[in-house]
Protein backbone atom coordinates (compact mmCIF):
# COMPACT_ATOMS: atom_id res chain seq x y z
CA UNK A 1 0.22 0.09 0.00
CA UNK A 2 1.15 3.36 -0.32
CA UNK A 3 2.44 5.42 2.40
CA UNK A 4 -0.85 6.30 4.58
CA UNK A 5 1.38 9.41 6.24
CA UNK A 6 0.80 12.94 5.13
CA UNK A 7 3.28 15.97 6.13
CA UNK A 8 0.87 16.59 8.95
CA UNK A 9 1.11 12.94 10.11
CA UNK A 10 4.97 13.34 10.04
CA UNK A 11 4.82 16.57 11.98
CA UNK A 12 3.23 14.93 14.74
CA UNK A 13 5.44 11.96 14.40
CA UNK A 14 8.32 14.41 15.29
CA UNK A 15 6.58 16.07 18.39
CA UNK A 16 5.89 12.49 19.90
CA UNK A 17 9.86 11.20 19.13
CA UNK A 18 11.17 14.45 20.45
CA UNK A 19 9.20 14.22 23.87
CA UNK A 20 10.39 10.50 23.91
CA UNK A 21 13.99 10.89 23.39
CA UNK A 22 14.58 14.18 25.04
CA UNK A 23 11.85 14.18 27.99
CA UNK A 24 11.49 10.28 28.77
CA UNK A 25 14.46 8.36 27.94
CA UNK A 26 16.72 10.18 30.12
CA UNK A 27 14.63 8.91 33.09
CA UNK A 28 14.81 4.90 32.15
CA UNK A 29 17.00 4.08 34.92
CA UNK A 30 15.16 5.78 37.58
CA UNK A 31 11.70 4.84 36.38
CA UNK A 32 12.33 1.39 35.88
CA UNK A 33 13.87 1.13 39.33
CA UNK A 34 10.74 2.81 40.80
CA UNK A 35 8.71 0.53 39.05
CA UNK A 36 6.27 3.66 38.26
CA UNK A 37 6.57 6.64 35.97
CA UNK A 38 5.39 9.99 37.25
CA UNK A 39 2.13 11.42 36.39
CA UNK A 40 3.27 14.50 34.99
CA UNK A 41 3.85 12.19 31.87
CA UNK A 42 0.18 12.05 31.01
CA UNK A 43 -0.15 16.02 31.72
CA UNK A 44 3.14 16.61 29.54
CA UNK A 45 1.78 14.17 26.64
CA UNK A 46 -1.75 15.97 27.02
CA UNK A 47 -0.32 19.39 26.70
CA UNK A 48 1.60 18.34 23.49
CA UNK A 49 -1.37 17.03 22.10
CA UNK A 50 -0.12 13.48 21.81
CA UNK A 51 -2.98 11.76 23.55
CA UNK A 52 -6.06 13.10 21.38
CA UNK A 53 -4.71 13.98 18.03
CA UNK A 54 -7.24 11.15 16.48
CA UNK A 55 -10.21 12.51 18.52
CA UNK A 56 -12.80 14.73 17.49
CA UNK A 57 -12.42 18.63 18.32
CA UNK A 58 -15.53 18.69 20.40
CA UNK A 59 -14.01 16.39 23.13
CA UNK A 60 -10.76 18.38 22.68
CA UNK A 61 -8.90 16.38 19.99
CA UNK A 62 -7.12 17.45 17.00
CA UNK A 63 -9.74 15.68 14.83
CA UNK A 64 -6.96 13.43 12.76
CA UNK A 65 -7.75 9.95 11.37
CA UNK A 66 -6.36 6.92 12.96
CA UNK A 67 -2.85 7.28 11.24
CA UNK A 68 -2.06 9.79 13.88
CA UNK A 69 -2.29 7.13 16.56
CA UNK A 70 -0.27 4.73 14.62
CA UNK A 71 2.48 7.35 14.02
CA UNK A 72 2.14 8.07 18.12
CA UNK A 73 2.37 4.11 18.59
CA UNK A 74 5.45 3.86 16.36
CA UNK A 75 7.22 6.62 17.94
CA UNK A 76 6.47 6.04 21.75
CA UNK A 77 8.98 3.00 21.77
CA UNK A 78 11.82 5.59 21.57
CA UNK A 79 11.09 6.09 25.30
CA UNK A 80 13.06 2.59 25.83
CA UNK A 81 10.44 1.86 28.34
CA UNK A 82 7.60 -0.26 27.46
CA UNK A 83 5.75 0.47 30.40
CA UNK A 84 5.56 4.01 29.61
CA UNK A 85 4.52 3.08 26.31
CA UNK A 86 1.43 0.90 27.61
CA UNK A 87 0.57 3.29 29.98
CA UNK A 88 0.13 6.13 27.77
CA UNK A 89 -1.45 3.75 25.17
CA UNK A 90 -4.11 2.71 27.63
CA UNK A 91 -4.93 6.18 28.20
CA UNK A 92 -5.36 7.05 24.50
CA UNK A 93 -6.33 4.02 22.54
CA UNK A 94 -7.90 1.32 25.30
CA UNK A 95 -9.53 2.73 28.04
CA UNK A 96 -11.16 5.82 26.29
CA UNK A 97 -12.24 5.06 22.60
CA UNK A 98 -15.49 3.33 23.83
CA UNK A 99 -16.09 6.62 25.78
CA UNK A 100 -15.64 8.44 22.38
CA UNK A 101 -18.02 5.74 20.53
CA UNK A 102 -20.82 5.57 23.12
CA UNK A 103 -20.62 8.43 25.93
CA UNK A 104 -23.15 11.18 26.36
CA UNK A 105 -21.91 14.77 26.28
CA UNK A 106 -21.66 14.84 29.99
CA UNK A 107 -19.75 11.57 30.05
CA UNK A 108 -17.39 12.83 27.56
CA UNK A 109 -16.85 16.23 29.40
CA UNK A 110 -16.54 14.44 32.56
CA UNK A 111 -14.16 11.85 31.36
CA UNK A 112 -13.21 11.54 27.97
CA UNK A 113 -12.16 15.51 27.55
CA UNK A 114 -9.80 15.59 30.62
CA UNK A 115 -8.16 12.16 29.94
CA UNK A 116 -7.11 13.71 26.42
CA UNK A 117 -5.88 16.70 28.27
CA UNK A 118 -4.00 14.22 30.72
CA UNK A 119 -5.56 15.78 33.66
CA UNK A 120 -7.18 12.42 34.67
CA UNK A 121 -5.64 9.08 34.26
CA UNK A 122 -7.71 6.53 32.53
CA UNK A 123 -7.59 2.28 33.47
CA UNK A 124 -9.68 -0.31 31.70
CA UNK A 125 -11.07 -2.98 34.01
CA UNK A 126 -12.04 -6.28 31.90
CA UNK A 127 -9.69 -8.98 33.21
CA UNK A 128 -10.43 -10.62 36.43
CA UNK A 129 -8.61 -13.64 38.36
CA UNK A 130 -10.55 -16.22 37.39
CA UNK A 131 -11.35 -14.57 33.61
CA UNK A 132 -8.70 -13.32 31.26
CA UNK A 133 -8.92 -14.06 27.52
CA UNK A 134 -12.43 -15.72 28.26
CA UNK A 135 -14.34 -12.20 29.00
CA UNK A 136 -17.67 -13.93 28.71
CA UNK A 137 -16.48 -15.49 32.17
CA UNK A 138 -16.29 -12.48 34.15
CA UNK A 139 -17.93 -12.51 37.51
CA UNK A 140 -17.86 -9.11 38.77
CA UNK A 141 -21.75 -8.26 39.16
CA UNK A 142 -23.85 -5.08 39.07
CA UNK A 143 -27.08 -5.19 40.63
CA UNK A 144 -29.80 -2.54 40.08
CA UNK A 145 -30.82 -0.57 43.30
CA UNK A 146 -33.25 2.45 42.50
CA UNK A 147 -31.13 4.99 40.49
CA UNK A 148 -27.75 3.25 41.10
CA UNK A 149 -26.16 0.03 40.35
CA UNK A 150 -24.15 -1.71 43.22
CA UNK A 151 -21.06 -3.51 41.99
CA UNK A 152 -19.27 -6.24 43.97
CA UNK A 153 -16.11 -8.02 42.51
CA UNK A 154 -12.51 -7.61 41.42
CA UNK A 155 -10.58 -7.01 38.39
CA UNK A 156 -6.71 -7.72 37.94
CA UNK A 157 -3.67 -7.01 35.40
CA UNK A 158 -5.19 -3.09 35.34
CA UNK A 159 -2.55 -0.78 33.79
CA UNK A 160 -2.57 2.67 35.28
CA UNK A 161 -4.62 0.81 38.32
CA UNK A 162 -2.95 2.51 41.26
CA UNK A 163 -3.22 5.96 39.99
CA UNK A 164 -6.29 5.88 37.91
CA UNK A 165 -8.56 8.58 38.49
CA UNK A 166 -11.40 6.50 36.89
CA UNK A 167 -11.83 3.03 35.28
CA UNK A 168 -13.98 2.13 32.20
CA UNK A 169 -15.39 -1.01 33.65
CA UNK A 170 -16.95 -3.92 32.01
CA UNK A 171 -19.22 -6.02 34.58
CA UNK A 172 -22.04 -8.46 34.62
CA UNK A 173 -25.51 -6.86 34.85
CA UNK A 174 -27.50 -9.84 33.90
CA UNK A 175 -25.26 -12.75 35.05
CA UNK A 176 -27.77 -15.72 33.61
CA UNK A 177 -27.23 -14.27 29.81
CA UNK A 178 -23.51 -15.03 29.86
CA UNK A 179 -21.83 -12.82 27.35
CA UNK A 180 -24.73 -10.80 26.25
CA UNK A 181 -25.39 -9.83 30.13
CA UNK A 182 -22.35 -7.36 30.34
CA UNK A 183 -22.66 -3.59 30.64
CA UNK A 184 -20.05 -0.97 30.71
CA UNK A 185 -19.66 1.78 33.43
CA UNK A 186 -17.55 4.67 34.12
CA UNK A 187 -16.03 4.71 37.64
CA UNK A 188 -14.32 7.34 39.27
CA UNK A 189 -11.86 5.73 41.66
CA UNK A 190 -12.90 7.94 44.50
CA UNK A 191 -16.08 6.17 44.57
CA UNK A 192 -16.60 4.61 48.13
CA UNK A 193 -16.10 0.67 47.99
CA UNK A 194 -13.53 1.19 45.25
CA UNK A 195 -10.17 -0.24 46.48
CA UNK A 196 -6.65 -1.11 45.03
CA UNK A 197 -6.22 -4.60 46.60
CA UNK A 198 -2.43 -4.30 45.22
CA UNK A 199 0.29 -3.49 43.41
CA UNK A 200 1.34 -6.50 40.86
CA UNK A 201 5.09 -7.15 40.35
CA UNK A 202 5.68 -8.30 37.02
CA UNK A 203 8.28 -9.87 34.59
CA UNK A 204 8.48 -6.63 32.36
CA UNK A 205 7.02 -3.61 31.55
CA UNK A 206 8.51 -2.31 35.14
CA UNK A 207 8.19 1.58 34.66
CA UNK A 208 4.08 1.08 34.34
CA UNK A 209 2.29 0.23 37.48
CA UNK A 210 -0.37 -2.74 37.18
CA UNK A 211 -3.11 -3.48 39.81
CA UNK A 212 -5.68 -5.74 41.13
CA UNK A 213 -8.80 -3.85 42.12
CA UNK A 214 -11.74 -4.95 44.30
CA UNK A 215 -15.32 -3.47 44.57
CA UNK A 216 -17.20 -3.92 47.76
CA UNK A 217 -20.87 -2.57 47.37
CA UNK A 218 -19.66 0.03 45.16
CA UNK A 219 -22.43 2.33 44.43
CA UNK A 220 -22.16 3.95 40.95
CA UNK A 221 -24.97 6.06 39.58
CA UNK A 222 -26.88 5.22 36.58
CA UNK A 223 -25.87 8.31 34.56
CA UNK A 224 -22.54 6.25 34.50
CA UNK A 225 -23.51 3.39 32.40
CA UNK A 226 -21.87 3.78 29.11
CA UNK A 227 -24.03 2.79 26.15
CA UNK A 228 -26.94 0.49 26.32
CA UNK A 229 -27.29 -2.19 29.38
CA UNK A 230 -26.32 -5.57 28.57
CA UNK A 231 -24.44 -4.47 25.16
CA UNK A 232 -20.88 -4.39 26.90
CA UNK A 233 -19.49 -7.30 25.02
CA UNK A 234 -20.62 -6.33 21.72
CA UNK A 235 -18.73 -2.84 22.62
CA UNK A 236 -15.73 -4.62 23.90
CA UNK A 237 -15.23 -6.57 20.70
CA UNK A 238 -15.16 -3.52 18.77
CA UNK A 239 -13.04 -1.84 21.42
CA UNK A 240 -10.53 -4.67 21.69
CA UNK A 241 -9.80 -4.09 17.76
CA UNK A 242 -8.28 -0.62 18.39
CA UNK A 243 -5.95 -1.94 21.30
CA UNK A 244 -4.92 -4.93 19.29
CA UNK A 245 -4.01 -2.72 16.01
CA UNK A 246 -1.98 -0.18 18.12
CA UNK A 247 -0.30 -2.62 19.86
CA UNK A 248 0.80 -4.29 16.48
CA UNK A 249 1.85 -1.28 15.10
CA UNK A 250 4.01 -0.36 18.30
CA UNK A 251 5.53 -3.89 18.66
CA UNK A 252 6.70 -3.57 15.18
CA UNK A 253 8.53 -0.31 15.64
CA UNK A 254 10.08 -1.57 18.83
CA UNK A 255 11.36 -4.57 16.99
CA UNK A 256 12.68 -2.18 14.41
CA UNK A 257 14.57 -0.30 17.32
CA UNK A 258 15.91 -3.58 18.40
CA UNK A 259 17.45 -4.54 14.97
CA UNK A 260 19.08 -1.28 14.39
CA UNK A 261 20.78 -1.09 18.07
CA UNK A 262 22.01 -4.82 17.52
CA UNK A 263 23.66 -3.82 14.16
CA UNK A 264 25.23 -0.78 15.60
CA UNK A 265 26.69 -2.86 18.38
CA UNK A 266 27.57 -5.57 16.05
CA UNK A 267 29.84 -2.93 14.28
CA UNK A 268 31.12 -1.90 17.16
CA UNK A 269 31.68 -5.12 19.14
CA UNK A 270 34.82 -7.07 17.73
CA UNK A 271 35.32 -10.92 18.21
CA UNK A 272 38.18 -13.18 16.61
CA UNK A 273 39.94 -10.09 15.05
CA UNK A 274 36.46 -8.32 13.31
CA UNK A 275 33.47 -6.70 13.92
CA UNK A 276 30.76 -9.43 14.73
CA UNK A 277 28.13 -8.19 12.16
CA UNK A 278 30.81 -8.85 9.56
CA UNK A 279 30.02 -12.94 10.33
CA UNK A 280 28.08 -14.25 7.40
CA UNK A 281 25.82 -15.91 9.74
CA UNK A 282 24.62 -12.81 11.72
CA UNK A 283 24.24 -10.96 8.52
CA UNK A 284 21.85 -13.57 6.87
CA UNK A 285 20.04 -13.69 10.15
CA UNK A 286 19.22 -10.05 10.29
CA UNK A 287 18.47 -10.17 6.61
CA UNK A 288 15.78 -12.65 7.50
CA UNK A 289 14.55 -11.11 10.65
CA UNK A 290 14.48 -7.64 8.58
CA UNK A 291 12.14 -9.66 5.91
CA UNK A 292 9.77 -11.08 8.83
CA UNK A 293 9.63 -7.67 10.28
CA UNK A 294 8.52 -5.89 7.00
CA UNK A 295 5.80 -8.77 6.58
CA UNK A 296 4.85 -8.27 9.92
CA UNK A 297 4.52 -4.27 9.68
CA UNK A 298 2.72 -4.72 6.32
CA UNK A 299 0.09 -6.87 7.96
CA UNK A 300 -0.27 -4.34 11.03
CA UNK A 301 -0.52 -1.68 8.55
CA UNK A 302 -3.44 -3.43 6.52
CA UNK A 303 -5.25 -3.97 9.97
CA UNK A 304 -4.95 -0.19 10.80
CA UNK A 305 -5.97 0.83 7.27
CA UNK A 306 -9.07 -1.17 7.57
CA UNK A 307 -10.00 0.05 11.20
CA UNK A 308 -9.50 3.73 9.91
CA UNK A 309 -11.68 3.07 6.79
CA UNK A 310 -14.60 1.56 9.14
CA UNK A 311 -14.31 4.12 11.90
CA UNK A 312 -12.88 7.39 10.53
CA UNK A 313 -14.13 7.23 6.78
CA UNK A 314 -17.27 5.19 7.07
CA UNK A 315 -18.18 6.17 10.73
CA UNK A 316 -19.65 2.78 11.47
CA UNK A 317 -18.65 -0.41 13.44
CA UNK A 318 -15.73 -2.77 12.12
CA UNK A 319 -16.56 -5.31 9.54
CA UNK A 320 -15.67 -9.21 9.98
CA UNK A 321 -13.00 -8.87 7.46
CA UNK A 322 -11.27 -6.03 9.58
CA UNK A 323 -11.82 -7.87 12.95
CA UNK A 324 -10.04 -10.90 11.01
CA UNK A 325 -7.35 -8.64 9.40
CA UNK A 326 -6.52 -7.40 12.89
CA UNK A 327 -6.57 -10.49 14.66
CA UNK A 328 -4.16 -12.15 12.01
CA UNK A 329 -1.94 -9.23 12.47
CA UNK A 330 -1.47 -9.64 16.47
CA UNK A 331 -0.69 -13.39 15.86
CA UNK A 332 1.71 -12.91 13.29
CA UNK A 333 3.47 -9.78 14.82
CA UNK A 334 3.54 -11.48 18.06
CA UNK A 335 5.40 -14.56 16.59
CA UNK A 336 7.83 -12.33 14.94
CA UNK A 337 8.38 -9.84 17.74
CA UNK A 338 9.32 -13.01 20.03
CA UNK A 339 11.83 -14.22 17.64
CA UNK A 340 13.50 -10.61 16.81
CA UNK A 341 13.99 -9.99 20.50
CA UNK A 342 15.06 -13.48 21.41
CA UNK A 343 18.04 -13.21 18.54
CA UNK A 344 18.99 -9.56 19.41
CA UNK A 345 19.54 -10.59 22.86
CA UNK A 346 21.50 -13.71 21.84
CA UNK A 347 23.64 -11.45 19.21
CA UNK A 348 24.61 -9.14 22.07
CA UNK A 349 26.04 -12.23 24.09
CA UNK A 350 26.54 -11.52 27.79
CA UNK A 351 26.05 -8.12 27.59
CA UNK A 352 22.30 -9.09 26.38
CA UNK A 353 21.47 -10.42 29.73
CA UNK A 354 22.54 -7.06 31.51
CA UNK A 355 19.55 -4.82 32.23
CA UNK A 356 21.33 -1.44 31.35
CA UNK A 357 21.11 -2.78 27.68
CA UNK A 358 17.87 -1.83 26.11
CA UNK A 359 17.77 -5.26 24.39
CA UNK A 360 17.69 -6.75 27.90
CA UNK A 361 14.49 -5.05 28.81
CA UNK A 362 12.95 -5.37 25.66
CA UNK A 363 13.16 -8.82 25.57
CA UNK A 364 11.32 -9.53 28.58
CA UNK A 365 8.84 -6.69 28.14
CA UNK A 366 7.68 -7.92 24.54
CA UNK A 367 6.61 -11.18 25.94
CA UNK A 368 3.56 -9.55 27.08
CA UNK A 369 2.52 -9.07 23.52
CA UNK A 370 1.22 -12.57 23.10
CA UNK A 371 -0.87 -12.46 26.15
CA UNK A 372 -2.35 -8.82 26.59
CA UNK A 373 -5.32 -8.03 24.66
CA UNK A 374 -6.42 -12.07 24.03
CA UNK A 375 -3.74 -14.54 24.08
CA UNK A 376 -2.34 -15.84 20.35
CA UNK A 377 -3.89 -19.06 21.26
CA UNK A 378 -7.28 -17.56 21.76
CA UNK A 379 -7.12 -15.52 18.65
CA UNK A 380 -6.06 -18.38 16.41
CA UNK A 381 -9.29 -20.15 17.69
CA UNK A 382 -11.35 -16.72 16.96
CA UNK A 383 -9.84 -16.67 13.56
CA UNK A 384 -10.49 -20.13 12.87
CA UNK A 385 -14.15 -19.63 13.55
CA UNK A 386 -14.38 -16.64 11.23
CA UNK A 387 -12.88 -18.60 8.28
CA UNK A 388 -15.70 -21.37 9.18
CA UNK A 389 -12.94 -24.04 10.28
């Protein structure tokens, strides 16, 4: 396909790149050690227009298309902390798109607009201790009580969960209906009965906070119901595609960084009398990895293009073909990213096992890609169904 990026996209890309390289990357050691990046990062991203370039002007965005979000996702890995990339993408592309799609003016004013400005931090509450990729199996329940809903249950693996100002929360409003009994609520974390149960310690993505949340007789007014009652599962399936598509383009960009860094390392590092990049084995290996990366990026772009066409050009729901493309991209990009990270670490030898090298962090961080947003195995099962298999 022809390049989807205009000069306006590229100017925006340069803004994101400068933000990452000059304002974020210098803090790698500190934020990775603290296992948290500071809240000012959200506010600064909002000031620069990074969080809302693809949202309508009516809610404080720049009115751009989906390719602005793609450009952002490709530049964020230059901060060299997957946790920061994750936290910002949850804010702009995972917890908030469903508010833009379904929210009332009052809901958008209270939640979406301040999230775009970086003044309120957002989290997405879907996964539970006993229901990850099997979303229909969630057990958090909301019962109607007058003009309120009373919510009981828990969520886990929630990025931004320890410091979010609100959670876009999926719960069961009709447990007997299974997947067709789910609803979305916008829940301020100041609500009585909302608790951060604990901060989870992860293998990777150290600079982001990930929490387990609990809800004990948490009373939420009806005005915070997002969209129609019992339609939450259908909304989530649409929302998941934005999460998966943008994760694919970001992961592919991160793989490109790993390859570039490895080749530069190979030019400087000598073994047995010459730079290790001059060894034919590794030259051929990086040719093969680059070919796979280009294929992965092309498939990710096809998914992003289909998403942009359905949502931004036609202004409707996603087609089955678009959902299939994005799912295929996530499967393929995940497998390619795993191989690239492993081979780049191997190329660095012992230094690849030392965390001061970016490749060591990237190797452990990328492993989440094949789990979050639907495991690779779940997506293969889902695509097989779409193919009539």
